[in-house]
């Protein structure tokens, strides 16, 4: 199997971390064909640095910030329309890959060959699994242990070191720009998984340099992040509708459980949080974005 890979990083005003991400990609044991950086209209210092790299990277600067979802949409489109590589490797601008991460992903790809996506074992800076990126096995009642050594099939995964085949992108289209933030990766990997299963590859480790190792929670998050949860609940309701009967209803029950947890808590700004939940949840009922497809340079 050919092993030509494009990495796609989406960045917004995190220059120090971005530099470390690019350096880690350039130090891969298995060399990348392209490093595509999608810049969501960051400040001048990021633009100056990325421009200074010249042909070391493919620099895609957007005229406005269209969110992580829009950035990945543009990055995957660029991969399809400007390269002929066989795989695209997606990551945020705080994803530090290890020197053998891509090698390990491609080893599994060679063995399995048919897969929708491959997800790395994402750790926080202390070596424990990153809570924001817990792998989701097919049986969600099970938790994959931190010492897992065998690959396992997943329901979905995040855009923190995610490898996907060109032929799968061609079949399923691009990430949904309208998601803006939250859930675009869950929806996209579930869409890929409906074509052919996705897998967790525990030997392919990366470090997710989040400020704190916490999951997202409207109940406990700070005031300036509360409005963002509109997108979380709108997008969750959208992709829940695409699931089978059991998983769809389980997702709906989980969302309402979060609502009542807030309602009967002593959390600050309770009414604001409840209003954000209801606004997002109701918007998800009619939210129906169009899935875009890219032209394939390989066919030209």
Protein backbone atom coordinates (compact mmCIF):
# COMPACT_ATOMS: atom_id res chain seq x y z
CA UNK A 1 0.00 0.00 0.00
CA UNK A 2 1.24 3.49 -0.83
CA UNK A 3 2.08 5.60 2.19
CA UNK A 4 1.89 9.18 0.93
CA UNK A 5 0.37 11.29 3.69
CA UNK A 6 -0.70 14.92 4.07
CA UNK A 7 -1.01 16.33 7.58
CA UNK A 8 -3.65 19.03 8.15
CA UNK A 9 -3.36 21.39 11.12
CA UNK A 10 -6.06 23.96 11.88
CA UNK A 11 -4.76 26.91 13.90
CA UNK A 12 -6.00 30.11 15.49
CA UNK A 13 -3.71 32.38 17.52
CA UNK A 14 -1.65 29.71 19.31
CA UNK A 15 1.72 30.35 17.74
CA UNK A 16 3.94 28.81 20.43
CA UNK A 17 2.05 25.52 20.31
CA UNK A 18 1.76 25.63 16.53
CA UNK A 19 5.54 25.83 16.19
CA UNK A 20 5.90 22.74 18.36
CA UNK A 21 3.27 20.87 16.32
CA UNK A 22 5.01 21.65 13.03
CA UNK A 23 8.41 20.68 14.43
CA UNK A 24 6.99 17.35 15.65
CA UNK A 25 5.56 16.68 12.19
CA UNK A 26 8.84 17.51 10.50
CA UNK A 27 10.58 15.03 12.84
CA UNK A 28 8.45 12.02 11.93
CA UNK A 29 10.30 8.77 11.28
CA UNK A 30 7.97 8.34 8.29
CA UNK A 31 8.25 11.53 6.27
CA UNK A 32 5.15 13.44 5.28
CA UNK A 33 4.46 14.45 1.70
CA UNK A 34 2.69 17.66 2.72
CA UNK A 35 2.08 19.68 5.88
CA UNK A 36 -1.03 21.75 5.26
CA UNK A 37 -1.66 24.54 7.78
CA UNK A 38 -5.12 26.12 7.72
CA UNK A 39 -4.95 29.48 9.49
CA UNK A 40 -8.32 30.75 10.74
CA UNK A 41 -7.27 34.39 10.24
CA UNK A 42 -4.80 34.50 13.15
CA UNK A 43 -2.89 37.64 14.12
CA UNK A 44 0.11 38.91 12.19
CA UNK A 45 2.72 36.97 14.20
CA UNK A 46 1.23 33.63 13.10
CA UNK A 47 0.96 34.78 9.50
CA UNK A 48 4.57 36.01 9.49
CA UNK A 49 5.88 32.75 10.94
CA UNK A 50 3.94 30.52 8.53
CA UNK A 51 4.94 32.66 5.56
CA UNK A 52 8.59 32.40 6.64
CA UNK A 53 8.46 28.60 6.30
CA UNK A 54 8.11 28.90 2.55
CA UNK A 55 7.74 25.57 0.77
CA UNK A 56 8.18 23.58 4.00
CA UNK A 57 4.40 23.83 4.38
CA UNK A 58 1.28 24.44 2.31
CA UNK A 59 -0.15 27.58 3.88
CA UNK A 60 -3.91 28.15 3.60
CA UNK A 61 -4.87 31.45 5.23
CA UNK A 62 -8.60 32.11 5.56
CA UNK A 63 -10.07 35.64 5.34
CA UNK A 64 -12.08 35.11 8.54
CA UNK A 65 -12.32 32.68 11.44
CA UNK A 66 -14.83 30.01 10.40
CA UNK A 67 -14.18 27.79 13.42
CA UNK A 68 -12.40 24.49 13.74
CA UNK A 69 -15.06 22.75 11.65
CA UNK A 70 -14.66 25.19 8.78
CA UNK A 71 -10.89 24.94 9.04
CA UNK A 72 -10.95 21.16 8.72
CA UNK A 73 -13.39 21.45 5.83
CA UNK A 74 -10.93 23.70 4.00
CA UNK A 75 -7.97 21.51 4.93
CA UNK A 76 -9.51 18.26 3.69
CA UNK A 77 -10.67 20.03 0.52
CA UNK A 78 -7.11 21.28 -0.08
CA UNK A 79 -5.79 17.75 0.45
CA UNK A 80 -8.18 16.40 -2.20
CA UNK A 81 -7.78 19.21 -4.73
CA UNK A 82 -4.06 20.06 -4.41
CA UNK A 83 -2.35 16.75 -3.58
CA UNK A 84 -2.51 13.17 -4.77
CA UNK A 85 -1.62 11.70 -1.36
CA UNK A 86 -3.35 8.56 -0.14
CA UNK A 87 -4.08 9.59 3.44
CA UNK A 88 -4.95 12.79 5.29
CA UNK A 89 -3.87 13.13 8.94
CA UNK A 90 -5.98 15.64 10.89
CA UNK A 91 -5.01 17.46 14.09
CA UNK A 92 -5.54 20.57 16.19
CA UNK A 93 -2.77 23.10 16.78
CA UNK A 94 -2.01 21.67 20.23
CA UNK A 95 -1.46 18.07 19.06
CA UNK A 96 2.16 17.05 19.54
CA UNK A 97 2.86 13.86 17.62
CA UNK A 98 5.62 11.47 18.68
CA UNK A 99 8.39 10.55 16.25
CA UNK A 100 6.81 7.15 15.49
CA UNK A 101 3.12 8.13 15.52
CA UNK A 102 2.62 8.08 11.78
CA UNK A 103 4.73 4.94 11.40
CA UNK A 104 2.47 3.12 13.85
CA UNK A 105 -0.71 4.31 12.16
CA UNK A 106 0.56 3.18 8.77
CA UNK A 107 1.65 -0.20 10.13
CA UNK A 108 -1.93 -0.85 11.13
CA UNK A 109 -3.20 0.57 7.85
CA UNK A 110 -1.03 -1.91 5.95
CA UNK A 111 -2.43 -4.81 7.97
CA UNK A 112 -6.09 -3.79 7.95
CA UNK A 113 -6.28 -1.97 4.61
CA UNK A 114 -10.08 -1.55 4.84
CA UNK A 115 -10.97 1.08 7.46
CA UNK A 116 -12.93 4.29 7.77
CA UNK A 117 -10.49 6.07 10.07
CA UNK A 118 -7.63 5.42 12.48
CA UNK A 119 -7.37 7.25 15.80
CA UNK A 120 -4.31 7.63 18.02
CA UNK A 121 -3.98 7.11 21.76
CA UNK A 122 -4.22 10.71 22.96
CA UNK A 123 -2.48 11.55 26.25
CA UNK A 124 -2.25 14.72 28.30
CA UNK A 125 1.12 16.16 29.30
CA UNK A 126 1.22 14.00 32.46
CA UNK A 127 0.93 10.79 30.42
CA UNK A 128 -2.67 10.00 31.38
CA UNK A 129 -5.31 9.75 28.69
CA UNK A 130 -6.73 13.10 27.58
CA UNK A 131 -10.30 13.28 28.88
CA UNK A 132 -11.40 15.36 25.88
CA UNK A 133 -10.29 12.56 23.57
CA UNK A 134 -11.44 9.36 25.26
CA UNK A 135 -11.79 6.65 22.59
CA UNK A 136 -15.39 5.55 22.08
CA UNK A 137 -15.56 1.75 21.63
CA UNK A 138 -18.54 0.15 19.92
CA UNK A 139 -19.89 -0.81 23.35
CA UNK A 140 -19.92 2.54 25.15
CA UNK A 141 -20.55 0.76 28.46
CA UNK A 142 -16.89 -0.30 28.29
CA UNK A 143 -13.95 2.02 28.88
CA UNK A 144 -10.75 1.26 27.01
CA UNK A 145 -8.03 0.86 29.67
CA UNK A 146 -4.96 3.08 29.55
CA UNK A 147 -2.74 0.03 29.11
CA UNK A 148 -4.66 -1.24 26.05
CA UNK A 149 -2.22 -2.73 23.52
CA UNK A 150 -4.51 -4.24 20.87
CA UNK A 151 -6.38 -2.09 18.34
CA UNK A 152 -10.14 -1.92 18.86
CA UNK A 153 -13.07 -0.81 16.74
CA UNK A 154 -14.50 2.62 17.56
CA UNK A 155 -17.83 4.39 17.15
CA UNK A 156 -16.17 7.77 16.60
CA UNK A 157 -13.04 9.77 17.34
CA UNK A 158 -11.71 13.34 17.50
CA UNK A 159 -9.55 15.40 15.16
CA UNK A 160 -6.53 14.94 17.42
CA UNK A 161 -4.39 12.69 15.24
CA UNK A 162 -6.95 11.10 12.95
CA UNK A 163 -5.88 9.28 9.78
CA UNK A 164 -8.37 8.83 6.96
CA UNK A 165 -8.04 7.42 3.44
CA UNK A 166 -8.49 9.49 0.34
CA UNK A 167 -11.02 7.00 -1.03
CA UNK A 168 -13.12 7.37 2.12
CA UNK A 169 -13.09 11.18 1.84
CA UNK A 170 -14.21 10.79 -1.75
CA UNK A 171 -17.18 8.68 -0.63
CA UNK A 172 -18.32 10.65 2.42
CA UNK A 173 -17.42 14.25 1.56
CA UNK A 174 -15.95 16.92 3.82
CA UNK A 175 -16.38 17.93 7.47
CA UNK A 176 -19.39 20.23 7.93
CA UNK A 177 -18.38 23.90 8.08
CA UNK A 178 -21.69 24.94 9.66
CA UNK A 179 -20.87 23.01 12.83
CA UNK A 180 -18.37 25.84 13.55
CA UNK A 181 -17.09 24.17 16.73
CA UNK A 182 -17.86 20.97 18.63
CA UNK A 183 -18.90 17.66 17.23
CA UNK A 184 -17.65 18.07 13.67
CA UNK A 185 -15.12 15.30 14.30
CA UNK A 186 -17.68 12.99 15.96
CA UNK A 187 -20.09 13.44 13.06
CA UNK A 188 -17.36 13.00 10.46
CA UNK A 189 -15.90 9.82 11.94
CA UNK A 190 -19.35 8.30 12.39
CA UNK A 191 -20.05 9.13 8.75
CA UNK A 192 -16.79 7.39 7.79
CA UNK A 193 -17.58 4.45 10.06
CA UNK A 194 -20.80 3.82 8.18
CA UNK A 195 -18.68 3.14 5.09
CA UNK A 196 -16.16 0.87 6.83
CA UNK A 197 -15.19 0.56 10.53
CA UNK A 198 -12.79 2.90 12.30
CA UNK A 199 -10.15 1.79 14.81
CA UNK A 200 -8.21 2.94 17.85
CA UNK A 201 -4.46 2.30 17.40
CA UNK A 202 -2.92 2.34 20.91
CA UNK A 203 0.69 2.13 19.70
CA UNK A 204 0.27 5.47 17.88
CA UNK A 205 0.54 7.93 20.76
CA UNK A 206 0.30 11.71 20.74
CA UNK A 207 0.30 14.42 23.41
CA UNK A 208 -2.63 16.84 23.54
CA UNK A 209 -1.28 20.00 25.19
CA UNK A 210 -4.54 21.36 26.56
CA UNK A 211 -4.25 23.82 29.44
CA UNK A 212 -6.10 21.36 31.70
CA UNK A 213 -7.04 17.71 31.37
CA UNK A 214 -10.79 18.17 31.56
CA UNK A 215 -13.75 17.25 29.42
CA UNK A 216 -16.33 19.78 28.25
CA UNK A 217 -19.17 20.54 30.66
CA UNK A 218 -21.76 23.30 30.46
CA UNK A 219 -22.41 22.74 34.17
CA UNK A 220 -18.87 23.64 35.22
CA UNK A 221 -17.34 25.67 32.42
CA UNK A 222 -16.47 29.33 32.85
CA UNK A 223 -18.63 32.28 31.84
CA UNK A 224 -16.86 33.26 28.62
CA UNK A 225 -17.23 29.73 27.22
CA UNK A 226 -20.89 29.23 28.10
CA UNK A 227 -22.30 30.65 24.82
CA UNK A 228 -20.25 28.11 22.82
CA UNK A 229 -22.39 25.29 24.16
CA UNK A 230 -25.14 26.35 21.77
CA UNK A 231 -23.09 24.65 19.05
CA UNK A 232 -22.47 21.60 21.21
CA UNK A 233 -26.15 20.78 21.74
CA UNK A 234 -27.29 21.82 18.27
CA UNK A 235 -24.63 19.65 16.64
CA UNK A 236 -25.18 16.70 19.00
CA UNK A 237 -28.85 16.62 18.14
CA UNK A 238 -28.04 16.72 14.44
CA UNK A 239 -25.67 13.78 14.42
CA UNK A 240 -27.76 11.82 16.91
CA UNK A 241 -30.49 11.77 14.24
CA UNK A 242 -28.12 9.88 11.92
CA UNK A 243 -27.66 6.99 14.38
CA UNK A 244 -29.65 3.80 14.80
CA UNK A 245 -32.73 3.78 17.05
CA UNK A 246 -30.94 2.69 20.23
CA UNK A 247 -27.96 5.05 19.99
CA UNK A 248 -30.13 7.97 18.85
CA UNK A 249 -32.42 7.69 21.86
CA UNK A 250 -29.53 7.11 24.25
CA UNK A 251 -27.91 10.32 23.01
CA UNK A 252 -31.17 12.24 23.52
CA UNK A 253 -31.52 10.91 27.06
CA UNK A 254 -27.96 11.90 27.87
CA UNK A 255 -28.57 15.45 26.72
CA UNK A 256 -31.70 15.76 28.84
CA UNK A 257 -29.84 14.25 31.78
CA UNK A 258 -27.31 17.08 31.44
CA UNK A 259 -30.17 19.59 31.36
CA UNK A 260 -31.70 18.32 34.58
CA UNK A 261 -28.29 18.06 36.22
CA UNK A 262 -27.91 21.79 35.64
CA UNK A 263 -31.50 22.54 36.64
CA UNK A 264 -31.16 20.89 40.06
CA UNK A 265 -27.60 22.03 40.76
CA UNK A 266 -26.23 25.02 42.63
CA UNK A 267 -24.21 26.16 39.63
CA UNK A 268 -23.68 29.85 38.95
CA UNK A 269 -25.58 31.46 36.05
CA UNK A 270 -28.02 28.55 36.05
CA UNK A 271 -30.70 30.21 33.95
CA UNK A 272 -28.17 31.32 31.35
CA UNK A 273 -26.92 27.75 31.02
CA UNK A 274 -30.42 26.31 30.77
CA UNK A 275 -31.31 28.86 28.09
CA UNK A 276 -28.18 28.00 26.08
CA UNK A 277 -29.06 24.29 26.28
CA UNK A 278 -32.64 24.85 25.12
CA UNK A 279 -31.59 27.19 22.31
CA UNK A 280 -29.03 24.73 20.97
CA UNK A 281 -31.21 21.66 21.44
CA UNK A 282 -34.18 23.23 19.64
CA UNK A 283 -31.95 24.53 16.82
CA UNK A 284 -30.72 20.97 16.29
CA UNK A 285 -34.23 19.84 15.41
CA UNK A 286 -34.15 21.66 12.07
CA UNK A 287 -30.38 21.97 11.57
CA UNK A 288 -29.67 20.18 8.29
CA UNK A 289 -26.46 21.39 6.66
CA UNK A 290 -25.49 20.24 3.19
CA UNK A 291 -22.50 17.89 2.97
CA UNK A 292 -19.92 19.20 0.52
CA UNK A 293 -17.69 17.11 -1.73
CA UNK A 294 -14.29 18.05 -3.15
CA UNK A 295 -12.95 17.48 -6.63
CA UNK A 296 -10.31 14.75 -6.72
CA UNK A 297 -6.98 15.85 -8.21
CA UNK A 298 -6.14 12.19 -8.86
CA UNK A 299 -8.92 12.02 -11.44
CA UNK A 300 -7.67 14.97 -13.47
